[in-house]
Amino acid sequence: MQPSIALRMFQPTKRMMADSAAHTISQRLRTLKRIPPELIPLGIVVGIAVGFAGYSMARKLVVDKQIRLSRQNRKD
């Protein structure tokens, strides 16, 4: 008995199984060579912007005493 078409759609193909099998870190790093060189500066700028945004958000939560991080005057 064969699985229905709907169930067969979710089964991985042989090619998918071969692509994901036993990749080492060095093999995955080699795929970075396929990134176009024009996109590397963009990635650096976006990475720095995300880093600054995370720092700013964390600093705001730690320094600003006006922010309520939990409920107050809660009656149990």
PDB file of N, CA and C in Angstrom:
ATOM      1  N   MET A   1       0.834  -1.175   0.000  1.00  0.00           N
ATOM      2  CA  MET A   1       0.000   0.000   0.000  1.00  0.00           C
ATOM      3  C   MET A   1       0.884   1.246   0.000  1.00  0.00           C
ATOM      4  N   GLN A   2       0.675   2.135  -0.958  1.00  0.00           N
ATOM      5  CA  GLN A   2       1.475   3.344  -1.076  1.00  0.00           C
ATOM      6  C   GLN A   2       0.833   4.488  -0.292  1.00  0.00           C
ATOM      7  N   PRO A   3       1.662   5.376   0.277  1.00  0.00           N
ATOM      8  CA  PRO A   3       1.085   6.527   0.979  1.00  0.00           C
ATOM      9  C   PRO A   3       0.378   7.449  -0.010  1.00  0.00           C
ATOM     10  N   SER A   4      -0.565   8.168   0.495  1.00  0.00           N
ATOM     11  CA  SER A   4      -1.317   9.071  -0.375  1.00  0.00           C
ATOM     12  C   SER A   4      -0.407  10.192  -0.866  1.00  0.00           C
ATOM     13  N   ILE A   5      -0.892  10.911  -1.845  1.00  0.00           N
ATOM     14  CA  ILE A   5      -0.109  12.000  -2.434  1.00  0.00           C
ATOM     15  C   ILE A   5       0.192  13.076  -1.389  1.00  0.00           C
ATOM     16  N   ALA A   6      -0.759  13.356  -0.525  1.00  0.00           N
ATOM     17  CA  ALA A   6      -0.549  14.387   0.493  1.00  0.00           C
ATOM     18  C   ALA A   6       0.572  13.998   1.451  1.00  0.00           C
ATOM     19  N   LEU A   7       0.652  12.735   1.849  1.00  0.00           N
ATOM     20  CA  LEU A   7       1.709  12.305   2.758  1.00  0.00           C
ATOM     21  C   LEU A   7       3.054  12.194   2.045  1.00  0.00           C
ATOM     22  N   ARG A   8       3.036  11.808   0.793  1.00  0.00           N
ATOM     23  CA  ARG A   8       4.275  11.684   0.030  1.00  0.00           C
ATOM     24  C   ARG A   8       4.934  13.042  -0.173  1.00  0.00           C
ATOM     25  N   MET A   9       4.132  14.094  -0.155  1.00  0.00           N
ATOM     26  CA  MET A   9       4.647  15.437  -0.368  1.00  0.00           C
ATOM     27  C   MET A   9       5.600  15.851   0.752  1.00  0.00           C
ATOM     28  N   PHE A  10       5.421  15.339   1.971  1.00  0.00           N
ATOM     29  CA  PHE A  10       6.225  15.736   3.112  1.00  0.00           C
ATOM     30  C   PHE A  10       7.435  14.835   3.347  1.00  0.00           C
ATOM     31  N   GLN A  11       7.617  13.817   2.532  1.00  0.00           N
ATOM     32  CA  GLN A  11       8.762  12.935   2.693  1.00  0.00           C
ATOM     33  C   GLN A  11       9.983  13.562   2.019  1.00  0.00           C
ATOM     34  N   PRO A  12      11.162  13.515   2.675  1.00  0.00           N
ATOM     35  CA  PRO A  12      12.355  14.087   2.044  1.00  0.00           C
ATOM     36  C   PRO A  12      12.790  13.246   0.841  1.00  0.00           C
ATOM     37  N   THR A  13      13.292  13.921  -0.173  1.00  0.00           N
ATOM     38  CA  THR A  13      13.778  13.218  -1.352  1.00  0.00           C
ATOM     39  C   THR A  13      15.171  12.671  -1.072  1.00  0.00           C
ATOM     40  N   LYS A  14      15.651  11.786  -1.937  1.00  0.00           N
ATOM     41  CA  LYS A  14      16.993  11.225  -1.766  1.00  0.00           C
ATOM     42  C   LYS A  14      18.046  12.319  -1.859  1.00  0.00           C
ATOM     43  N   ARG A  15      17.824  13.303  -2.702  1.00  0.00           N
ATOM     44  CA  ARG A  15      18.787  14.395  -2.854  1.00  0.00           C
ATOM     45  C   ARG A  15      18.855  15.233  -1.588  1.00  0.00           C
ATOM     46  N   MET A  16      17.715  15.491  -0.964  1.00  0.00           N
ATOM     47  CA  MET A  16      17.705  16.250   0.288  1.00  0.00           C
ATOM     48  C   MET A  16      18.444  15.490   1.371  1.00  0.00           C
ATOM     49  N   MET A  17      18.266  14.190   1.434  1.00  0.00           N
ATOM     50  CA  MET A  17      18.939  13.384   2.443  1.00  0.00           C
ATOM     51  C   MET A  17      20.453  13.409   2.224  1.00  0.00           C
ATOM     52  N   ALA A  18      20.894  13.381   0.961  1.00  0.00           N
ATOM     53  CA  ALA A  18      22.325  13.378   0.671  1.00  0.00           C
ATOM     54  C   ALA A  18      22.940  14.742   0.966  1.00  0.00           C
ATOM     55  N   ASP A  19      22.207  15.842   0.715  1.00  0.00           N
ATOM     56  CA  ASP A  19      22.739  17.178   0.944  1.00  0.00           C
ATOM     57  C   ASP A  19      22.942  17.471   2.424  1.00  0.00           C
ATOM     58  N   SER A  20      22.085  16.963   3.274  1.00  0.00           N
ATOM     59  CA  SER A  20      22.168  17.300   4.684  1.00  0.00           C
ATOM     60  C   SER A  20      22.996  16.313   5.486  1.00  0.00           C
ATOM     61  N   ALA A  21      23.505  15.285   4.859  1.00  0.00           N
ATOM     62  CA  ALA A  21      24.223  14.244   5.595  1.00  0.00           C
ATOM     63  C   ALA A  21      25.684  14.625   5.783  1.00  0.00           C
ATOM     64  N   ALA A  22      26.138  14.610   7.025  1.00  0.00           N
ATOM     65  CA  ALA A  22      27.547  14.699   7.404  1.00  0.00           C
ATOM     66  C   ALA A  22      28.276  15.914   6.851  1.00  0.00           C
ATOM     67  N   HIS A  23      27.741  17.092   7.028  1.00  0.00           N
ATOM     68  CA  HIS A  23      28.461  18.305   6.659  1.00  0.00           C
ATOM     69  C   HIS A  23      29.258  18.772   7.867  1.00  0.00           C
ATOM     70  N   THR A  24      30.519  19.029   7.637  1.00  0.00           N
ATOM     71  CA  THR A  24      31.350  19.544   8.715  1.00  0.00           C
ATOM     72  C   THR A  24      31.324  21.068   8.680  1.00  0.00           C
ATOM     73  N   ILE A  25      31.871  21.674   9.704  1.00  0.00           N
ATOM     74  CA  ILE A  25      31.888  23.142   9.759  1.00  0.00           C
ATOM     75  C   ILE A  25      32.702  23.698   8.605  1.00  0.00           C
ATOM     76  N   SER A  26      33.821  23.076   8.285  1.00  0.00           N
ATOM     77  CA  SER A  26      34.654  23.585   7.193  1.00  0.00           C
ATOM     78  C   SER A  26      33.932  23.491   5.853  1.00  0.00           C
ATOM     79  N   GLN A  27      33.132  22.444   5.674  1.00  0.00           N
ATOM     80  CA  GLN A  27      32.364  22.349   4.430  1.00  0.00           C
ATOM     81  C   GLN A  27      31.316  23.445   4.362  1.00  0.00           C
ATOM     82  N   ARG A  28      30.703  23.755   5.499  1.00  0.00           N
ATOM     83  CA  ARG A  28      29.699  24.829   5.505  1.00  0.00           C
ATOM     84  C   ARG A  28      30.350  26.189   5.310  1.00  0.00           C
ATOM     85  N   LEU A  29      31.564  26.388   5.835  1.00  0.00           N
ATOM     86  CA  LEU A  29      32.257  27.655   5.645  1.00  0.00           C
ATOM     87  C   LEU A  29      32.653  27.869   4.187  1.00  0.00           C
ATOM     88  N   ARG A  30      32.901  26.781   3.471  1.00  0.00           N
ATOM     89  CA  ARG A  30      33.236  26.905   2.053  1.00  0.00           C
ATOM     90  C   ARG A  30      32.078  27.476   1.253  1.00  0.00           C
ATOM     91  N   THR A  31      30.847  27.289   1.739  1.00  0.00           N
ATOM     92  CA  THR A  31      29.700  27.840   1.004  1.00  0.00           C
ATOM     93  C   THR A  31      29.656  29.356   1.102  1.00  0.00           C
ATOM     94  N   LEU A  32      30.383  29.940   2.066  1.00  0.00           N
ATOM     95  CA  LEU A  32      30.429  31.401   2.158  1.00  0.00           C
ATOM     96  C   LEU A  32      31.116  32.024   0.949  1.00  0.00           C
ATOM     97  N   LYS A  33      31.931  31.245   0.255  1.00  0.00           N
ATOM     98  CA  LYS A  33      32.600  31.757  -0.933  1.00  0.00           C
ATOM     99  C   LYS A  33      31.612  32.057  -2.054  1.00  0.00           C
ATOM    100  N   ARG A  34      30.409  31.465  -1.955  1.00  0.00           N
ATOM    101  CA  ARG A  34      29.398  31.707  -2.989  1.00  0.00           C
ATOM    102  C   ARG A  34      28.661  33.031  -2.790  1.00  0.00           C
ATOM    103  N   ILE A  35      28.869  33.689  -1.651  1.00  0.00           N
ATOM    104  CA  ILE A  35      28.216  34.979  -1.413  1.00  0.00           C
ATOM    105  C   ILE A  35      28.885  36.028  -2.299  1.00  0.00           C
ATOM    106  N   PRO A  36      28.112  36.804  -3.042  1.00  0.00           N
ATOM    107  CA  PRO A  36      28.707  37.840  -3.893  1.00  0.00           C
ATOM    108  C   PRO A  36      29.469  38.861  -3.040  1.00  0.00           C
ATOM    109  N   PRO A  37      30.637  39.293  -3.492  1.00  0.00           N
ATOM    110  CA  PRO A  37      31.448  40.228  -2.700  1.00  0.00           C
ATOM    111  C   PRO A  37      30.747  41.563  -2.434  1.00  0.00           C
ATOM    112  N   GLU A  38      29.789  41.923  -3.281  1.00  0.00           N
ATOM    113  CA  GLU A  38      29.089  43.190  -3.084  1.00  0.00           C
ATOM    114  C   GLU A  38      28.215  43.164  -1.832  1.00  0.00           C
ATOM    115  N   LEU A  39      27.809  41.968  -1.387  1.00  0.00           N
ATOM    116  CA  LEU A  39      26.910  41.858  -0.242  1.00  0.00           C
ATOM    117  C   LEU A  39      27.644  41.829   1.098  1.00  0.00           C
ATOM    118  N   ILE A  40      28.948  41.617   1.091  1.00  0.00           N
ATOM    119  CA  ILE A  40      29.690  41.535   2.347  1.00  0.00           C
ATOM    120  C   ILE A  40      29.658  42.851   3.119  1.00  0.00           C
ATOM    121  N   PRO A  41      29.920  44.017   2.500  1.00  0.00           N
ATOM    122  CA  PRO A  41      29.813  45.273   3.265  1.00  0.00           C
ATOM    123  C   PRO A  41      28.397  45.516   3.805  1.00  0.00           C
ATOM    124  N   LEU A  42      27.392  45.144   3.043  1.00  0.00           N
ATOM    125  CA  LEU A  42      26.013  45.288   3.498  1.00  0.00           C
ATOM    126  C   LEU A  42      25.767  44.427   4.730  1.00  0.00           C
ATOM    127  N   GLY A  43      26.264  43.204   4.718  1.00  0.00           N
ATOM    128  CA  GLY A  43      26.115  42.319   5.869  1.00  0.00           C
ATOM    129  C   GLY A  43      26.808  42.865   7.099  1.00  0.00           C
ATOM    130  N   ILE A  44      27.985  43.469   6.909  1.00  0.00           N
ATOM    131  CA  ILE A  44      28.715  44.065   8.037  1.00  0.00           C
ATOM    132  C   ILE A  44      27.923  45.225   8.627  1.00  0.00           C
ATOM    133  N   VAL A  45      27.400  46.092   7.769  1.00  0.00           N
ATOM    134  CA  VAL A  45      26.638  47.250   8.244  1.00  0.00           C
ATOM    135  C   VAL A  45      25.370  46.815   8.971  1.00  0.00           C
ATOM    136  N   VAL A  46      24.663  45.838   8.422  1.00  0.00           N
ATOM    137  CA  VAL A  46      23.440  45.339   9.066  1.00  0.00           C
ATOM    138  C   VAL A  46      23.777  44.674  10.396  1.00  0.00           C
ATOM    139  N   GLY A  47      24.871  43.925  10.447  1.00  0.00           N
ATOM    140  CA  GLY A  47      25.296  43.295  11.693  1.00  0.00           C
ATOM    141  C   GLY A  47      25.615  44.313  12.773  1.00  0.00           C
ATOM    142  N   ILE A  48      26.320  45.381  12.404  1.00  0.00           N
ATOM    143  CA  ILE A  48      26.637  46.446  13.361  1.00  0.00           C
ATOM    144  C   ILE A  48      25.364  47.133  13.837  1.00  0.00           C
ATOM    145  N   ALA A  49      24.434  47.388  12.918  1.00  0.00           N
ATOM    146  CA  ALA A  49      23.171  48.037  13.301  1.00  0.00           C
ATOM    147  C   ALA A  49      22.372  47.168  14.266  1.00  0.00           C
ATOM    148  N   VAL A  50      22.312  45.872  14.019  1.00  0.00           N
ATOM    149  CA  VAL A  50      21.594  44.957  14.920  1.00  0.00           C
ATOM    150  C   VAL A  50      22.286  44.909  16.283  1.00  0.00           C
ATOM    151  N   GLY A  51      23.613  44.936  16.285  1.00  0.00           N
ATOM    152  CA  GLY A  51      24.361  44.951  17.541  1.00  0.00           C
ATOM    153  C   GLY A  51      24.082  46.201  18.358  1.00  0.00           C
ATOM    154  N   PHE A  52      24.101  47.359  17.705  1.00  0.00           N
ATOM    155  CA  PHE A  52      23.798  48.614  18.404  1.00  0.00           C
ATOM    156  C   PHE A  52      22.360  48.634  18.908  1.00  0.00           C
ATOM    157  N   ALA A  53      21.437  48.106  18.130  1.00  0.00           N
ATOM    158  CA  ALA A  53      20.036  48.071  18.563  1.00  0.00           C
ATOM    159  C   ALA A  53      19.881  47.192  19.800  1.00  0.00           C
ATOM    160  N   GLY A  54      20.534  46.045  19.818  1.00  0.00           N
ATOM    161  CA  GLY A  54      20.479  45.166  20.984  1.00  0.00           C
ATOM    162  C   GLY A  54      21.096  45.820  22.204  1.00  0.00           C
ATOM    163  N   TYR A  55      22.235  46.477  22.018  1.00  0.00           N
ATOM    164  CA  TYR A  55      22.891  47.175  23.134  1.00  0.00           C
ATOM    165  C   TYR A  55      21.993  48.285  23.663  1.00  0.00           C
ATOM    166  N   SER A  56      21.405  49.057  22.773  1.00  0.00           N
ATOM    167  CA  SER A  56      20.552  50.173  23.180  1.00  0.00           C
ATOM    168  C   SER A  56      19.332  49.674  23.941  1.00  0.00           C
ATOM    169  N   MET A  57      18.724  48.602  23.467  1.00  0.00           N
ATOM    170  CA  MET A  57      17.550  48.048  24.130  1.00  0.00           C
ATOM    171  C   MET A  57      17.910  47.512  25.519  1.00  0.00           C
ATOM    172  N   ALA A  58      19.002  46.787  25.609  1.00  0.00           N
ATOM    173  CA  ALA A  58      19.425  46.226  26.896  1.00  0.00           C
ATOM    174  C   ALA A  58      19.773  47.342  27.875  1.00  0.00           C
ATOM    175  N   ARG A  59      20.458  48.347  27.401  1.00  0.00           N
ATOM    176  CA  ARG A  59      20.828  49.465  28.278  1.00  0.00           C
ATOM    177  C   ARG A  59      19.591  50.209  28.763  1.00  0.00           C
ATOM    178  N   LYS A  60      18.616  50.395  27.896  1.00  0.00           N
ATOM    179  CA  LYS A  60      17.375  51.070  28.279  1.00  0.00           C
ATOM    180  C   LYS A  60      16.657  50.293  29.380  1.00  0.00           C
ATOM    181  N   LEU A  61      16.621  48.969  29.263  1.00  0.00           N
ATOM    182  CA  LEU A  61      15.952  48.160  30.279  1.00  0.00           C
ATOM    183  C   LEU A  61      16.692  48.185  31.611  1.00  0.00           C
ATOM    184  N   VAL A  62      17.998  48.292  31.587  1.00  0.00           N
ATOM    185  CA  VAL A  62      18.782  48.273  32.819  1.00  0.00           C
ATOM    186  C   VAL A  62      18.834  49.642  33.488  1.00  0.00           C
ATOM    187  N   VAL A  63      18.996  50.702  32.711  1.00  0.00           N
ATOM    188  CA  VAL A  63      19.241  52.039  33.261  1.00  0.00           C
ATOM    189  C   VAL A  63      17.950  52.778  33.606  1.00  0.00           C
ATOM    190  N   ASP A  64      16.927  52.680  32.761  1.00  0.00           N
ATOM    191  CA  ASP A  64      15.714  53.481  32.945  1.00  0.00           C
ATOM    192  C   ASP A  64      14.861  52.917  34.078  1.00  0.00           C
ATOM    193  N   LYS A  65      14.696  53.701  35.131  1.00  0.00           N
ATOM    194  CA  LYS A  65      13.925  53.258  36.298  1.00  0.00           C
ATOM    195  C   LYS A  65      12.423  53.507  36.124  1.00  0.00           C
ATOM    196  N   GLN A  66      12.022  54.192  35.076  1.00  0.00           N
ATOM    197  CA  GLN A  66      10.614  54.480  34.833  1.00  0.00           C
ATOM    198  C   GLN A  66       9.885  53.308  34.178  1.00  0.00           C
ATOM    199  N   ILE A  67      10.614  52.371  33.641  1.00  0.00           N
ATOM    200  CA  ILE A  67      10.004  51.235  32.951  1.00  0.00           C
ATOM    201  C   ILE A  67       9.543  50.212  33.976  1.00  0.00           C
ATOM    202  N   ARG A  68       8.287  49.804  33.878  1.00  0.00           N
ATOM    203  CA  ARG A  68       7.764  48.747  34.753  1.00  0.00           C
ATOM    204  C   ARG A  68       7.984  47.411  34.073  1.00  0.00           C
ATOM    205  N   LEU A  69       8.736  46.554  34.708  1.00  0.00           N
ATOM    206  CA  LEU A  69       9.014  45.246  34.134  1.00  0.00           C
ATOM    207  C   LEU A  69       8.106  44.164  34.711  1.00  0.00           C
ATOM    208  N   SER A  70       7.349  44.501  35.749  1.00  0.00           N
ATOM    209  CA  SER A  70       6.405  43.556  36.336  1.00  0.00           C
ATOM    210  C   SER A  70       5.193  44.327  36.838  1.00  0.00           C
ATOM    211  N   ARG A  71       4.115  43.620  37.115  1.00  0.00           N
ATOM    212  CA  ARG A  71       2.897  44.263  37.607  1.00  0.00           C
ATOM    213  C   ARG A  71       3.100  44.759  39.036  1.00  0.00           C
ATOM    214  N   GLN A  72       2.450  45.859  39.331  1.00  0.00           N
ATOM    215  CA  GLN A  72       2.527  46.407  40.675  1.00  0.00           C
ATOM    216  C   GLN A  72       1.133  46.513  41.249  1.00  0.00           C
ATOM    217  N   ASN A  73       1.038  46.533  42.594  1.00  0.00           N
ATOM    218  CA  ASN A  73      -0.241  46.647  43.300  1.00  0.00           C
ATOM    219  C   ASN A  73      -1.224  45.556  42.867  1.00  0.00           C
ATOM    220  N   ARG A  74      -0.737  44.372  42.738  1.00  0.00           N
ATOM    221  CA  ARG A  74      -1.569  43.264  42.311  1.00  0.00           C
ATOM    222  C   ARG A  74      -2.159  42.585  43.544  1.00  0.00           C
ATOM    223  N   LYS A  75      -3.445  42.456  43.581  1.00  0.00           N
ATOM    224  CA  LYS A  75      -4.116  41.817  44.712  1.00  0.00           C
ATOM    225  C   LYS A  75      -4.347  40.344  44.408  1.00  0.00           C
ATOM    226  N   ASP A  76      -3.848  39.486  45.273  1.00  0.00           N
ATOM    227  CA  ASP A  76      -3.991  38.043  45.052  1.00  0.00           C
ATOM    228  C   ASP A  76      -5.219  37.499  45.723  1.00  0.00           C
TER     229      ASP A  76
END
